[in-house]
Protein backbone atom coordinates (compact mmCIF):
# COMPACT_ATOMS: atom_id res chain seq x y z
CA MET A 1 -6.23 4.14 3.39
CA THR A 2 -3.84 4.84 0.54
CA LYS A 3 -3.43 1.09 0.18
CA ILE A 4 -7.20 0.49 -0.21
CA VAL A 5 -7.43 3.37 -2.74
CA ALA A 6 -4.51 1.89 -4.69
CA GLU A 7 -6.44 -1.38 -5.01
CA LEU A 8 -9.27 0.43 -6.68
CA PHE A 9 -6.79 1.19 -9.50
CA GLY A 10 -5.71 -2.47 -9.75
CA VAL A 11 -2.44 -1.91 -7.80
CA PRO A 12 -2.09 -4.67 -5.19
CA ALA A 13 1.25 -3.50 -3.55
CA LEU A 14 2.90 -0.12 -2.82
CA TYR A 15 6.61 0.65 -2.79
CA HIS A 16 7.84 3.39 -0.72
CA LEU A 17 10.35 5.43 -2.77
CA ASP A 18 12.78 6.13 0.07
CA THR A 19 12.91 2.41 1.05
CA LEU A 20 13.25 1.28 -2.59
CA HIS A 21 16.13 3.60 -3.02
CA HIS A 22 17.76 2.25 0.11
CA TYR A 23 17.69 -1.29 -1.12
CA SER A 24 18.31 -0.74 -4.86
CA SER A 25 19.66 1.67 -7.43
CA PHE A 26 16.58 1.97 -9.48
CA ILE A 27 17.13 5.63 -10.45
CA GLY A 28 20.84 5.49 -10.79
CA PRO A 29 23.52 6.32 -8.21
CA THR A 30 21.32 8.85 -6.32
CA LEU A 31 17.66 9.65 -5.96
CA PRO A 32 16.97 13.20 -7.26
CA GLN A 33 16.41 15.51 -4.45
CA VAL A 34 13.44 17.53 -5.83
CA ALA A 35 13.64 21.21 -5.26
CA MET A 36 11.17 22.50 -2.75
CA LEU A 37 8.34 24.31 -4.51
CA VAL A 38 6.14 27.14 -3.37
CA ASN A 39 3.86 24.81 -1.48
CA ALA A 40 6.73 22.79 0.19
CA THR A 41 6.20 19.82 -2.22
CA ARG A 42 8.77 17.02 -2.80
CA ARG A 43 8.67 13.67 -4.33
CA PRO A 44 5.68 11.37 -3.61
CA ASP A 45 5.54 8.60 -1.09
CA PHE A 46 4.78 5.50 -3.15
CA ILE A 47 4.61 3.86 -6.54
CA GLY A 48 2.90 0.59 -7.32
CA PRO A 49 2.43 -1.74 -10.43
CA ASN A 50 -0.77 -3.15 -11.88
CA ALA A 51 -1.13 -6.54 -13.58
CA GLY A 52 0.54 -5.20 -16.62
CA MET A 53 3.51 -3.89 -14.53
CA ARG A 54 2.53 -0.29 -15.38
CA TYR A 55 2.98 1.96 -12.29
CA GLY A 56 0.84 4.42 -10.52
CA VAL A 57 2.01 7.28 -8.30
CA PHE A 58 0.55 7.84 -4.79
CA GLU A 59 1.00 10.33 -1.98
CA SER A 60 -0.33 9.64 1.51
CA LYS A 61 -1.01 12.23 4.06
CA GLY A 62 -2.92 12.17 7.50
CA ARG A 63 -4.19 14.74 9.82
CA THR A 64 -5.92 14.67 13.20
CA HIS A 65 -8.25 17.42 11.97
CA HIS A 66 -9.91 18.26 8.72
CA SER A 67 -7.68 18.59 5.63
CA ASN A 68 -7.41 21.91 3.86
CA ASP A 69 -6.87 23.34 0.38
CA PRO A 70 -3.14 24.03 0.91
CA LEU A 71 -2.54 20.42 2.00
CA ARG A 72 -4.47 19.11 -1.08
CA VAL A 73 -2.44 21.40 -3.27
CA SER A 74 0.91 20.15 -1.74
CA ALA A 75 -0.16 16.55 -2.08
CA LYS A 76 -1.19 16.80 -5.63
CA GLU A 77 2.03 18.46 -6.51
CA GLN A 78 4.02 15.77 -4.91
CA THR A 79 2.38 13.06 -7.11
CA ALA A 80 3.22 15.36 -10.15
CA MET A 81 6.91 15.17 -9.44
CA ILE A 82 7.40 11.88 -11.36
CA ASN A 83 7.19 12.24 -15.26
CA THR A 84 7.42 8.70 -16.51
CA ILE A 85 8.17 5.27 -15.07
CA ASN A 86 10.03 2.85 -17.35
CA GLY A 87 9.34 5.34 -20.23
CA LEU A 88 5.60 5.32 -19.75
CA ASP A 89 3.17 7.83 -18.08
CA PRO A 90 1.86 6.66 -14.74
CA ILE A 91 -1.56 4.92 -14.89
CA CYS A 92 -2.61 7.38 -12.19
CA ARG A 93 -1.34 10.08 -9.83
CA ILE A 94 -3.35 9.90 -6.63
CA ALA A 95 -3.10 11.96 -3.47
CA CYS A 96 -4.91 10.37 -0.51
CA ILE A 97 -5.51 12.53 2.54
CA THR A 98 -7.05 11.02 5.59
CA SER A 99 -8.35 13.24 8.41
CA PHE A 100 -10.29 12.81 11.67
CA GLY A 101 -12.99 15.13 12.96
CA ASN A 102 -16.43 14.90 14.54
CA ARG A 103 -15.85 11.29 15.50
CA GLN A 104 -15.47 10.30 11.93
CA MET A 105 -12.71 9.57 9.33
CA THR A 106 -12.76 11.42 6.15
CA VAL A 107 -10.66 10.49 3.06
CA ASP A 108 -10.00 13.08 0.26
CA VAL A 109 -8.71 11.52 -2.95
CA VAL A 110 -7.38 14.12 -5.47
CA ASP A 111 -5.44 13.82 -8.75
CA PRO A 112 -3.43 16.36 -10.78
CA THR A 113 -3.93 16.61 -14.47
CA ASP A 114 -0.26 16.58 -15.43
CA TYR A 115 3.29 16.28 -14.27
CA HIS A 116 5.31 19.19 -12.79
CA LYS A 117 7.82 21.00 -14.92
CA ASP A 118 10.63 19.76 -12.68
CA ALA A 119 9.43 16.23 -12.57
CA PHE A 120 11.96 13.45 -12.97
CA SER A 121 11.69 10.04 -14.82
CA MET A 122 12.65 6.74 -13.38
CA LYS A 123 13.19 3.13 -14.18
CA THR A 124 12.43 0.09 -12.09
CA GLU A 125 14.51 -2.68 -13.63
CA ASN A 126 16.85 -2.76 -10.57
CA ALA A 127 14.10 -2.35 -8.08
CA ASP A 128 13.69 -4.92 -5.22
CA LEU A 129 10.08 -6.08 -5.93
CA LYS A 130 10.01 -7.90 -2.61
CA GLU A 131 10.44 -4.61 -0.70
CA PRO A 132 6.84 -4.26 0.40
CA PHE A 133 7.02 -7.80 2.14
CA ARG A 134 10.41 -7.36 3.89
CA LEU A 135 8.74 -6.38 7.28
CA THR A 136 6.48 -9.38 7.07
CA GLN A 137 9.49 -11.51 6.37
CA GLN A 138 11.37 -10.17 9.39
CA LEU A 139 8.27 -10.82 11.55
CA PHE A 140 8.35 -14.45 10.44
CA HIS A 141 12.10 -14.73 11.13
CA GLU A 142 11.75 -13.31 14.61
CA ASN A 143 8.64 -14.98 15.86
CA VAL A 144 7.16 -18.49 16.26
CA THR A 145 5.03 -19.10 13.10
CA HIS A 146 2.17 -21.53 12.34
CA GLU A 147 0.15 -22.39 9.23
CA LYS A 148 -3.62 -21.75 8.73
CA ILE A 149 -6.24 -22.32 5.95
CA VAL A 150 -8.09 -19.13 5.05
CA GLN A 151 -10.58 -18.95 2.14
CA HIS A 152 -9.27 -22.28 0.91
CA SER A 153 -5.59 -21.07 0.68
CA LYS A 154 -2.62 -21.83 3.08
CA PHE A 155 -1.17 -18.93 4.98
CA LYS A 156 1.97 -18.53 7.03
CA MET A 157 0.94 -16.90 10.29
CA VAL A 158 2.38 -15.14 13.28
CA LYS A 159 0.66 -14.06 16.49
CA LEU A 160 1.37 -10.45 17.50
CA GLU A 161 0.43 -10.44 21.15
CA ALA A 162 1.33 -6.83 21.94
CA ALA A 163 -0.96 -5.63 19.11
CA ASP A 164 -3.59 -8.33 19.72
CA LEU A 165 -3.40 -9.31 16.07
CA GLU A 166 -2.79 -12.48 14.06
CA PHE A 167 -0.91 -11.57 10.99
CA GLY A 168 -0.01 -13.57 7.96
CA LEU A 169 0.91 -13.98 4.30
CA ARG A 170 -0.16 -16.48 1.62
CA GLN A 171 2.17 -19.43 1.64
CA ASP A 172 2.97 -19.18 -2.13
CA ILE A 173 3.85 -15.56 -1.83
CA TYR A 174 5.97 -16.33 1.39
CA GLU A 175 7.87 -19.02 -0.60
CA THR A 176 8.49 -16.63 -3.36
CA LEU A 177 9.63 -14.03 -0.85
CA GLU A 178 12.17 -16.50 0.74
CA PHE A 179 13.39 -18.59 -2.22
CA GLY A 180 12.21 -17.03 -5.43
CA SER A 181 13.79 -14.39 -7.81
CA ASN A 182 12.73 -10.95 -8.63
CA THR A 183 11.08 -12.43 -11.74
CA ASP A 184 9.01 -14.80 -9.62
CA MET A 185 7.86 -11.94 -7.40
CA GLU A 186 6.88 -9.98 -10.63
CA ALA A 187 4.67 -12.94 -11.52
CA GLN A 188 3.01 -12.87 -8.17
CA LEU A 189 2.30 -9.09 -8.52
CA LYS A 190 0.84 -9.65 -11.96
CA LYS A 191 -1.42 -12.26 -10.50
CA ARG A 192 -2.47 -10.25 -7.60
CA GLY A 193 -3.17 -7.21 -9.83
CA ARG A 194 -5.66 -9.01 -12.12
CA LYS A 195 -9.20 -7.70 -11.82
CA GLU A 196 -10.50 -11.07 -10.41
CA SER A 197 -7.97 -10.87 -7.64
CA ILE A 198 -9.04 -7.34 -6.45
CA VAL A 199 -11.69 -7.05 -3.81
CA TYR A 200 -13.20 -3.61 -4.35
CA PRO A 201 -14.17 -2.32 -0.90
CA ASP A 202 -17.58 -0.55 -0.37
CA SER A 203 -16.19 0.87 2.81
CA LEU A 204 -13.29 0.48 5.29
CA ILE A 205 -15.49 -1.67 7.58
CA SER A 206 -16.38 -3.95 4.73
CA ARG A 207 -12.79 -5.13 4.78
CA LEU A 208 -13.74 -6.96 7.91
CA SER A 209 -16.95 -8.56 6.54
CA VAL A 210 -15.49 -11.10 4.24
CA VAL A 211 -15.73 -13.89 6.91
CA GLU A 212 -18.67 -14.87 9.15
CA ASP A 213 -17.39 -13.35 12.39
CA GLY A 214 -16.16 -10.12 10.71
CA LYS A 215 -12.80 -10.09 12.49
CA GLU A 216 -10.39 -11.00 9.64
CA ALA A 217 -9.56 -9.93 6.08
CA VAL A 218 -7.17 -10.76 3.23
CA ALA A 219 -5.67 -7.93 1.19
CA SER A 220 -5.05 -8.23 -2.55
CA ASP A 221 -1.41 -8.48 -1.94
CA GLY A 222 -1.82 -11.71 0.07
CA HIS A 223 -1.51 -10.24 3.58
CA PHE A 224 -3.90 -11.46 6.25
CA VAL A 225 -5.04 -9.81 9.50
CA ARG A 226 -7.27 -11.01 12.31
CA VAL A 227 -8.21 -8.70 15.12
CA GLY A 228 -8.37 -9.70 18.81
CA PRO A 229 -10.74 -8.97 21.61
CA SER A 230 -9.30 -5.44 22.31
CA TRP A 231 -10.10 -4.50 18.67
CA GLU A 232 -13.60 -5.88 19.01
CA ARG A 233 -14.35 -3.55 21.86
CA TRP A 234 -13.12 -0.59 19.85
CA MET A 235 -15.28 -1.66 16.85
CA ARG A 236 -18.36 -1.94 19.12
CA SER A 237 -17.78 1.53 20.51
CA THR A 238 -17.32 2.93 17.08
CA ASP A 239 -20.63 1.30 15.94
CA ALA A 240 -22.30 2.91 18.99
CA GLN A 241 -21.06 6.35 18.12
CA SER A 242 -22.02 6.13 14.40
């Protein structure tokens, strides 16, 4: 859900801070260990760039029951732990809290008004901009792949039998991932973050309504997913309960 919310702010891809730090030295030799605050806050989960390579800050939380005020406060304070990115204020600080109850999913989106007094600043010039696509790259390396035309674009695909999913990535993004430079990936992110590239969702289910049979969708970062029969049964049971 945080990914979908980020797209509403023109951010096509999210970078997990811990994973980014593992692959690059984008804050220096060590990532600051933010002191625990009264509400057990720490650094946020994600950052992500828009078409102008300005970054937003995002925190993602999930609960099996309804969210509560302390959780919202904690999530908001985590997004406030970054002051500036590349010398600029974040374009947004968003905490996305997904909870389940009464057979429905609820998403709370909250934003702090300012950064925390102990917030740190960071730079991304050494960041691995391919990081959000590394798992997809690994899937392609470890499985038999095929090509498919979706919405007039070529995709590299893999069938995930255990998950009953067909998963893919736009061919041009895949080629950038495999053979391009960090600058090439930055150009892809700028392209994906432009307003005309963002599909603003009316709802989560609307993600599956782009094509005739309602079983597949393409995200703004170029990823593709198509659900199999087991997911169709779940979707029908969900419709029956709503």
